[in-house]
PDB file of N, CA and C in Angstrom:
ATOM      1  N   MET A   1       0.966  -1.290   0.054  1.00  0.00           N
ATOM      2  CA  MET A   1      -0.167   0.017   0.325  1.00  0.00           C
ATOM      3  C   MET A   1       0.953   1.139  -0.123  1.00  0.00           C
ATOM      4  N   ALA A   2       2.409   1.227  -0.368  1.00  0.00           N
ATOM      5  CA  ALA A   2       2.866   2.133  -0.085  1.00  0.00           C
ATOM      6  C   ALA A   2       2.471   3.291  -1.315  1.00  0.00           C
ATOM      7  N   GLU A   3       1.594   2.877  -2.473  1.00  0.00           N
ATOM      8  CA  GLU A   3       1.797   4.102  -3.195  1.00  0.00           C
ATOM      9  C   GLU A   3       0.675   5.040  -2.870  1.00  0.00           C
ATOM     10  N   HIS A   4       0.028   4.741  -1.517  1.00  0.00           N
ATOM     11  CA  HIS A   4      -1.102   5.586  -1.188  1.00  0.00           C
ATOM     12  C   HIS A   4      -0.168   6.449  -0.101  1.00  0.00           C
ATOM     13  N   THR A   5       0.600   5.698   0.473  1.00  0.00           N
ATOM     14  CA  THR A   5       1.290   6.237   2.058  1.00  0.00           C
ATOM     15  C   THR A   5       1.783   7.479   1.169  1.00  0.00           C
ATOM     16  N   ALA A   6       2.238   7.741   0.004  1.00  0.00           N
ATOM     17  CA  ALA A   6       3.208   8.640  -0.603  1.00  0.00           C
ATOM     18  C   ALA A   6       2.323   9.822  -1.059  1.00  0.00           C
ATOM     19  N   ARG A   7       0.636   9.365  -0.950  1.00  0.00           N
ATOM     20  CA  ARG A   7      -0.194  10.615  -1.505  1.00  0.00           C
ATOM     21  C   ARG A   7      -0.663  11.069  -0.039  1.00  0.00           C
ATOM     22  N   GLY A   8      -0.183  10.478   1.195  1.00  0.00           N
ATOM     23  CA  GLY A   8      -0.795  10.987   2.474  1.00  0.00           C
ATOM     24  C   GLY A   8      -1.941   9.850   2.727  1.00  0.00           C
ATOM     25  N   THR A   9      -2.381   9.990   4.128  1.00  0.00           N
ATOM     26  CA  THR A   9      -3.507   9.399   4.473  1.00  0.00           C
ATOM     27  C   THR A   9      -4.508   9.640   4.298  1.00  0.00           C
ATOM     28  N   ALA A  10      -5.485   9.192   4.864  1.00  0.00           N
ATOM     29  CA  ALA A  10      -6.983  10.127   4.723  1.00  0.00           C
ATOM     30  C   ALA A  10      -7.230  11.293   5.503  1.00  0.00           C
ATOM     31  N   GLY A  11      -6.526  10.828   6.777  1.00  0.00           N
ATOM     32  CA  GLY A  11      -6.662  11.926   7.790  1.00  0.00           C
ATOM     33  C   GLY A  11      -5.905  13.275   7.100  1.00  0.00           C
ATOM     34  N   GLU A  12      -4.805  12.932   6.614  1.00  0.00           N
ATOM     35  CA  GLU A  12      -4.184  14.011   5.962  1.00  0.00           C
ATOM     36  C   GLU A  12      -4.022  14.933   4.740  1.00  0.00           C
ATOM     37  N   LEU A  13      -5.679  14.584   4.234  1.00  0.00           N
ATOM     38  CA  LEU A  13      -5.817  15.263   2.956  1.00  0.00           C
ATOM     39  C   LEU A  13      -7.004  16.151   3.200  1.00  0.00           C
ATOM     40  N   GLU A  14      -6.943  16.934   2.530  1.00  0.00           N
ATOM     41  CA  GLU A  14      -7.941  18.268   2.581  1.00  0.00           C
ATOM     42  C   GLU A  14      -9.158  17.866   2.111  1.00  0.00           C
ATOM     43  N   ASP A  15     -10.542  18.416   2.431  1.00  0.00           N
ATOM     44  CA  ASP A  15     -11.628  18.007   1.958  1.00  0.00           C
ATOM     45  C   ASP A  15     -11.843  17.540   0.849  1.00  0.00           C
ATOM     46  N   GLY A  16     -11.447  18.546  -0.052  1.00  0.00           N
ATOM     47  CA  GLY A  16     -11.620  18.211  -1.491  1.00  0.00           C
ATOM     48  C   GLY A  16     -10.974  17.480  -2.097  1.00  0.00           C
ATOM     49  N   ARG A  17      -9.241  17.069  -1.748  1.00  0.00           N
ATOM     50  CA  ARG A  17      -8.955  15.762  -2.211  1.00  0.00           C
ATOM     51  C   ARG A  17      -9.195  14.596  -1.796  1.00  0.00           C
ATOM     52  N   LEU A  18      -9.731  14.455  -0.410  1.00  0.00           N
ATOM     53  CA  LEU A  18     -10.618  13.512   0.150  1.00  0.00           C
ATOM     54  C   LEU A  18     -11.745  13.364  -0.947  1.00  0.00           C
ATOM     55  N   LEU A  19     -12.352  13.978  -1.141  1.00  0.00           N
ATOM     56  CA  LEU A  19     -13.714  13.455  -1.905  1.00  0.00           C
ATOM     57  C   LEU A  19     -13.408  13.360  -3.134  1.00  0.00           C
ATOM     58  N   LYS A  20     -12.165  13.687  -3.787  1.00  0.00           N
ATOM     59  CA  LYS A  20     -11.933  13.125  -5.424  1.00  0.00           C
ATOM     60  C   LYS A  20     -11.091  11.652  -5.122  1.00  0.00           C
ATOM     61  N   GLU A  21     -10.467  11.542  -3.953  1.00  0.00           N
ATOM     62  CA  GLU A  21      -9.766   9.902  -3.706  1.00  0.00           C
ATOM     63  C   GLU A  21     -11.285   9.113  -3.771  1.00  0.00           C
ATOM     64  N   LEU A  22     -12.186   9.755  -3.009  1.00  0.00           N
ATOM     65  CA  LEU A  22     -13.512   8.629  -2.736  1.00  0.00           C
ATOM     66  C   LEU A  22     -14.164   8.437  -4.020  1.00  0.00           C
ATOM     67  N   GLU A  23     -14.433   9.411  -5.073  1.00  0.00           N
ATOM     68  CA  GLU A  23     -14.874   9.343  -6.379  1.00  0.00           C
ATOM     69  C   GLU A  23     -14.114   8.313  -7.119  1.00  0.00           C
ATOM     70  N   THR A  24     -12.805   8.365  -7.135  1.00  0.00           N
ATOM     71  CA  THR A  24     -11.946   7.678  -7.746  1.00  0.00           C
ATOM     72  C   THR A  24     -11.931   6.160  -7.456  1.00  0.00           C
ATOM     73  N   ILE A  25     -12.013   5.923  -6.030  1.00  0.00           N
ATOM     74  CA  ILE A  25     -11.803   4.639  -5.649  1.00  0.00           C
ATOM     75  C   ILE A  25     -13.111   3.950  -5.637  1.00  0.00           C
ATOM     76  N   HIS A  26     -14.453   4.554  -5.494  1.00  0.00           N
ATOM     77  CA  HIS A  26     -15.631   4.297  -5.864  1.00  0.00           C
ATOM     78  C   HIS A  26     -15.543   3.954  -7.440  1.00  0.00           C
ATOM     79  N   ARG A  27     -15.386   4.575  -8.151  1.00  0.00           N
ATOM     80  CA  ARG A  27     -15.271   4.337  -9.712  1.00  0.00           C
ATOM     81  C   ARG A  27     -14.756   2.926 -10.484  1.00  0.00           C
ATOM     82  N   THR A  28     -13.223   2.519  -9.290  1.00  0.00           N
ATOM     83  CA  THR A  28     -12.622   1.762 -10.006  1.00  0.00           C
ATOM     84  C   THR A  28     -12.886   0.169  -8.882  1.00  0.00           C
ATOM     85  N   ARG A  29     -13.901   0.503  -7.902  1.00  0.00           N
ATOM     86  CA  ARG A  29     -14.054  -0.783  -7.268  1.00  0.00           C
ATOM     87  C   ARG A  29     -14.332  -2.095  -8.146  1.00  0.00           C
ATOM     88  N   HIS A  30     -15.279  -1.696  -8.997  1.00  0.00           N
ATOM     89  CA  HIS A  30     -16.066  -2.809  -9.770  1.00  0.00           C
ATOM     90  C   HIS A  30     -14.643  -3.806 -10.343  1.00  0.00           C
ATOM     91  N   GLU A  31     -14.045  -2.856 -11.002  1.00  0.00           N
ATOM     92  CA  GLU A  31     -12.925  -3.194 -12.109  1.00  0.00           C
ATOM     93  C   GLU A  31     -11.912  -3.822 -11.457  1.00  0.00           C
ATOM     94  N   THR A  32     -11.766  -3.404 -10.042  1.00  0.00           N
ATOM     95  CA  THR A  32     -10.578  -4.234  -9.321  1.00  0.00           C
ATOM     96  C   THR A  32     -11.107  -5.642  -8.700  1.00  0.00           C
ATOM     97  N   LEU A  33     -12.543  -5.490  -8.420  1.00  0.00           N
ATOM     98  CA  LEU A  33     -13.053  -6.961  -7.778  1.00  0.00           C
ATOM     99  C   LEU A  33     -13.232  -7.991  -8.729  1.00  0.00           C
ATOM    100  N   LEU A  34     -13.328  -7.146  -9.937  1.00  0.00           N
ATOM    101  CA  LEU A  34     -13.532  -8.607 -10.975  1.00  0.00           C
ATOM    102  C   LEU A  34     -12.238  -9.161 -11.881  1.00  0.00           C
ATOM    103  N   HIS A  35     -10.898  -8.036 -11.661  1.00  0.00           N
ATOM    104  CA  HIS A  35      -9.775  -8.141 -12.835  1.00  0.00           C
ATOM    105  C   HIS A  35      -8.490  -8.350 -11.699  1.00  0.00           C
ATOM    106  N   GLY A  36      -8.950  -7.329 -10.490  1.00  0.00           N
ATOM    107  CA  GLY A  36      -7.610  -7.140  -9.586  1.00  0.00           C
ATOM    108  C   GLY A  36      -7.028  -8.689  -9.015  1.00  0.00           C
ATOM    109  N   SER A  37      -5.777  -8.574  -8.641  1.00  0.00           N
ATOM    110  CA  SER A  37      -5.028  -9.600  -8.081  1.00  0.00           C
ATOM    111  C   SER A  37      -6.017  -9.667  -6.680  1.00  0.00           C
ATOM    112  N   ASP A  38      -5.602 -10.717  -5.991  1.00  0.00           N
ATOM    113  CA  ASP A  38      -6.171 -10.601  -4.666  1.00  0.00           C
ATOM    114  C   ASP A  38      -5.253  -9.481  -3.823  1.00  0.00           C
ATOM    115  N   ASP A  39      -3.926  -9.274  -3.814  1.00  0.00           N
ATOM    116  CA  ASP A  39      -3.291  -7.929  -3.282  1.00  0.00           C
ATOM    117  C   ASP A  39      -4.070  -7.001  -3.785  1.00  0.00           C
ATOM    118  N   ALA A  40      -4.371  -6.753  -5.036  1.00  0.00           N
ATOM    119  CA  ALA A  40      -4.728  -5.393  -5.573  1.00  0.00           C
ATOM    120  C   ALA A  40      -6.195  -5.093  -4.668  1.00  0.00           C
ATOM    121  N   LEU A  41      -7.207  -6.185  -4.883  1.00  0.00           N
ATOM    122  CA  LEU A  41      -8.212  -6.108  -4.097  1.00  0.00           C
ATOM    123  C   LEU A  41      -7.947  -5.754  -2.205  1.00  0.00           C
ATOM    124  N   ALA A  42      -7.348  -6.456  -1.546  1.00  0.00           N
ATOM    125  CA  ALA A  42      -7.316  -6.163  -0.634  1.00  0.00           C
ATOM    126  C   ALA A  42      -6.881  -4.658  -0.333  1.00  0.00           C
ATOM    127  N   THR A  43      -5.414  -4.373  -1.002  1.00  0.00           N
ATOM    128  CA  THR A  43      -5.213  -2.861  -1.043  1.00  0.00           C
ATOM    129  C   THR A  43      -6.196  -1.587  -0.892  1.00  0.00           C
ATOM    130  N   HIS A  44      -7.320  -2.369  -2.400  1.00  0.00           N
ATOM    131  CA  HIS A  44      -8.267  -1.238  -2.723  1.00  0.00           C
ATOM    132  C   HIS A  44      -9.192  -1.362  -1.583  1.00  0.00           C
ATOM    133  N   THR A  45      -9.668  -2.486  -1.002  1.00  0.00           N
ATOM    134  CA  THR A  45     -10.419  -2.553  -0.053  1.00  0.00           C
ATOM    135  C   THR A  45      -9.710  -1.610   1.392  1.00  0.00           C
ATOM    136  N   GLN A  46      -8.712  -1.808   1.570  1.00  0.00           N
ATOM    137  CA  GLN A  46      -8.330  -0.845   2.775  1.00  0.00           C
ATOM    138  C   GLN A  46      -8.186   0.661   2.793  1.00  0.00           C
ATOM    139  N   ARG A  47      -7.884   0.764   1.421  1.00  0.00           N
ATOM    140  CA  ARG A  47      -7.842   2.633   1.042  1.00  0.00           C
ATOM    141  C   ARG A  47      -9.405   3.246   1.086  1.00  0.00           C
ATOM    142  N   LEU A  48     -10.230   1.991   0.554  1.00  0.00           N
ATOM    143  CA  LEU A  48     -11.440   2.547   0.427  1.00  0.00           C
ATOM    144  C   LEU A  48     -12.033   2.598   2.256  1.00  0.00           C
ATOM    145  N   LYS A  49     -11.669   1.673   2.941  1.00  0.00           N
ATOM    146  CA  LYS A  49     -12.170   1.563   4.451  1.00  0.00           C
ATOM    147  C   LYS A  49     -11.650   2.810   4.696  1.00  0.00           C
ATOM    148  N   GLU A  50     -10.374   3.315   4.732  1.00  0.00           N
ATOM    149  CA  GLU A  50      -9.656   4.419   5.128  1.00  0.00           C
ATOM    150  C   GLU A  50     -10.151   5.498   4.820  1.00  0.00           C
ATOM    151  N   LEU A  51     -10.640   5.719   3.332  1.00  0.00           N
ATOM    152  CA  LEU A  51     -11.058   7.172   3.117  1.00  0.00           C
ATOM    153  C   LEU A  51     -12.803   7.371   3.383  1.00  0.00           C
ATOM    154  N   GLU A  52     -13.481   6.415   3.363  1.00  0.00           N
ATOM    155  CA  GLU A  52     -15.192   6.473   4.254  1.00  0.00           C
ATOM    156  C   GLU A  52     -15.051   6.745   5.893  1.00  0.00           C
ATOM    157  N   GLU A  53     -13.788   5.796   6.410  1.00  0.00           N
ATOM    158  CA  GLU A  53     -13.944   6.267   7.616  1.00  0.00           C
ATOM    159  C   GLU A  53     -13.796   7.687   7.934  1.00  0.00           C
ATOM    160  N   GLU A  54     -12.869   8.163   7.147  1.00  0.00           N
ATOM    161  CA  GLU A  54     -12.292   9.701   7.297  1.00  0.00           C
ATOM    162  C   GLU A  54     -13.175  10.658   6.988  1.00  0.00           C
ATOM    163  N   TYR A  55     -14.064  10.051   5.811  1.00  0.00           N
ATOM    164  CA  TYR A  55     -15.140  11.190   5.691  1.00  0.00           C
ATOM    165  C   TYR A  55     -15.976  11.387   6.817  1.00  0.00           C
ATOM    166  N   LEU A  56     -16.562  10.165   6.804  1.00  0.00           N
ATOM    167  CA  LEU A  56     -17.909  10.010   8.032  1.00  0.00           C
ATOM    168  C   LEU A  56     -17.451  10.609   9.668  1.00  0.00           C
ATOM    169  N   ARG A  57     -15.923  10.378   9.612  1.00  0.00           N
ATOM    170  CA  ARG A  57     -15.508  11.153  11.066  1.00  0.00           C
ATOM    171  C   ARG A  57     -15.572  12.775  10.777  1.00  0.00           C
ATOM    172  N   ARG A  58     -15.293  12.704   9.627  1.00  0.00           N
ATOM    173  CA  ARG A  58     -15.533  14.692   9.357  1.00  0.00           C
ATOM    174  C   ARG A  58     -16.716  15.241   9.186  1.00  0.00           C
ATOM    175  N   HIS A  59     -17.518  14.168   8.710  1.00  0.00           N
ATOM    176  CA  HIS A  59     -19.235  14.378   8.429  1.00  0.00           C
ATOM    177  C   HIS A  59     -20.300  13.701   9.070  1.00  0.00           C
ATOM    178  N   PRO A  60     -20.444  13.411  10.575  1.00  0.00           N
ATOM    179  CA  PRO A  60     -20.998  12.789  11.002  1.00  0.00           C
ATOM    180  C   PRO A  60     -22.578  12.638  11.221  1.00  0.00           C
ATOM    181  N   ARG A  61     -22.686  14.100  10.755  1.00  0.00           N
ATOM    182  CA  ARG A  61     -24.129  14.497  10.705  1.00  0.00           C
ATOM    183  C   ARG A  61     -24.325  14.836   8.942  1.00  0.00           C
ATOM    184  N   ARG A  62     -24.031  13.719   8.355  1.00  0.00           N
ATOM    185  CA  ARG A  62     -24.088  14.559   6.755  1.00  0.00           C
ATOM    186  C   ARG A  62     -25.270  14.173   6.668  1.00  0.00           C
ATOM    187  N   ALA A  63     -25.940  15.077   5.519  1.00  0.00           N
ATOM    188  CA  ALA A  63     -27.219  14.931   4.972  1.00  0.00           C
ATOM    189  C   ALA A  63     -27.726  13.464   4.455  1.00  0.00           C
ATOM    190  N   THR A  64     -29.032  13.179   4.509  1.00  0.00           N
ATOM    191  CA  THR A  64     -29.598  11.643   4.173  1.00  0.00           C
ATOM    192  C   THR A  64     -30.502  11.768   3.277  1.00  0.00           C
ATOM    193  N   THR A  65     -30.664  11.032   2.285  1.00  0.00           N
ATOM    194  CA  THR A  65     -31.698  11.354   1.467  1.00  0.00           C
ATOM    195  C   THR A  65     -32.825  10.161   2.099  1.00  0.00           C
ATOM    196  N   ALA A  66     -33.980  10.299   2.247  1.00  0.00           N
ATOM    197  CA  ALA A  66     -35.186   9.777   2.910  1.00  0.00           C
ATOM    198  C   ALA A  66     -35.001   8.193   2.194  1.00  0.00           C
ATOM    199  N   GLY A  67     -34.713   8.264   1.111  1.00  0.00           N
ATOM    200  CA  GLY A  67     -35.218   7.222  -0.037  1.00  0.00           C
ATOM    201  C   GLY A  67     -33.824   6.246   0.106  1.00  0.00           C
ATOM    202  N   ARG A  68     -32.408   6.767   0.946  1.00  0.00           N
ATOM    203  CA  ARG A  68     -31.703   5.703   0.932  1.00  0.00           C
ATOM    204  C   ARG A  68     -31.787   5.211   2.528  1.00  0.00           C
ATOM    205  N   THR A  69     -33.015   5.443   3.406  1.00  0.00           N
ATOM    206  CA  THR A  69     -32.818   4.814   4.404  1.00  0.00           C
ATOM    207  C   THR A  69     -33.787   3.551   4.479  1.00  0.00           C
ATOM    208  N   ARG A  70     -33.836   2.629   5.636  1.00  0.00           N
ATOM    209  CA  ARG A  70     -34.419   1.599   5.699  1.00  0.00           C
ATOM    210  C   ARG A  70     -35.826   1.918   5.313  1.00  0.00           C
ATOM    211  N   THR A  71     -36.559   2.634   6.169  1.00  0.00           N
ATOM    212  CA  THR A  71     -37.725   3.039   5.974  1.00  0.00           C
ATOM    213  C   THR A  71     -38.071   3.771   4.579  1.00  0.00           C
ATOM    214  N   GLY A  72     -37.393   4.639   4.191  1.00  0.00           N
ATOM    215  CA  GLY A  72     -37.638   5.128   2.772  1.00  0.00           C
ATOM    216  C   GLY A  72     -37.139   3.631   1.622  1.00  0.00           C
ATOM    217  N   ALA A  73     -36.892   2.690   1.917  1.00  0.00           N
ATOM    218  CA  ALA A  73     -36.583   1.474   1.303  1.00  0.00           C
ATOM    219  C   ALA A  73     -37.977   0.817   1.221  1.00  0.00           C
ATOM    220  N   ARG A  74     -38.551   0.493   2.837  1.00  0.00           N
ATOM    221  CA  ARG A  74     -39.895  -0.094   2.824  1.00  0.00           C
ATOM    222  C   ARG A  74     -41.258   0.515   1.909  1.00  0.00           C
ATOM    223  N   ALA A  75     -40.755   1.685   1.899  1.00  0.00           N
ATOM    224  CA  ALA A  75     -42.183   2.649   1.741  1.00  0.00           C
ATOM    225  C   ALA A  75     -41.911   2.496  -0.078  1.00  0.00           C
ATOM    226  N   ARG A  76     -40.797   2.389  -0.733  1.00  0.00           N
ATOM    227  CA  ARG A  76     -40.842   2.510  -1.925  1.00  0.00           C
ATOM    228  C   ARG A  76     -41.219   0.854  -2.574  1.00  0.00           C
ATOM    229  N   THR A  77     -40.893  -0.084  -1.766  1.00  0.00           N
ATOM    230  CA  THR A  77     -41.585  -1.478  -2.315  1.00  0.00           C
ATOM    231  C   THR A  77     -42.572  -1.902  -1.671  1.00  0.00           C
ATOM    232  N   GLY A  78     -43.500  -1.050  -0.594  1.00  0.00           N
ATOM    233  CA  GLY A  78     -44.540  -1.489   0.153  1.00  0.00           C
ATOM    234  C   GLY A  78     -44.549  -2.419   1.223  1.00  0.00           C
ATOM    235  N   ALA A  79     -42.934  -2.658   1.554  1.00  0.00           N
ATOM    236  CA  ALA A  79     -42.826  -3.662   2.538  1.00  0.00           C
ATOM    237  C   ALA A  79     -43.150  -3.097   4.064  1.00  0.00           C
ATOM    238  N   GLU A  80     -43.569  -4.021   5.117  1.00  0.00           N
ATOM    239  CA  GLU A  80     -43.741  -3.239   6.199  1.00  0.00           C
ATOM    240  C   GLU A  80     -42.458  -3.398   7.272  1.00  0.00           C
ATOM    241  N   ASP A  81     -42.596  -2.668   8.383  1.00  0.00           N
ATOM    242  CA  ASP A  81     -41.871  -2.501   9.149  1.00  0.00           C
ATOM    243  C   ASP A  81     -41.542  -3.769  10.032  1.00  0.00           C
TER     244      ASP A  81
END
């Protein structure tokens, strides 16, 4: 995971860079899962976890969309609690 260390840990990134890295890692996740080596997938998973945890640490009260909650999903499908 040395290539990520050179760019800094998630905690060292400024907000804009953190968001850019999150966008990139989410975009490349599927390709890494399907075609990456076990080591590449493990590295990707660790970096994804690090970046997401840092984002959540900085934004614990981030806005949520009602449709992206359990209650909202149940309302979409007509399922009961």
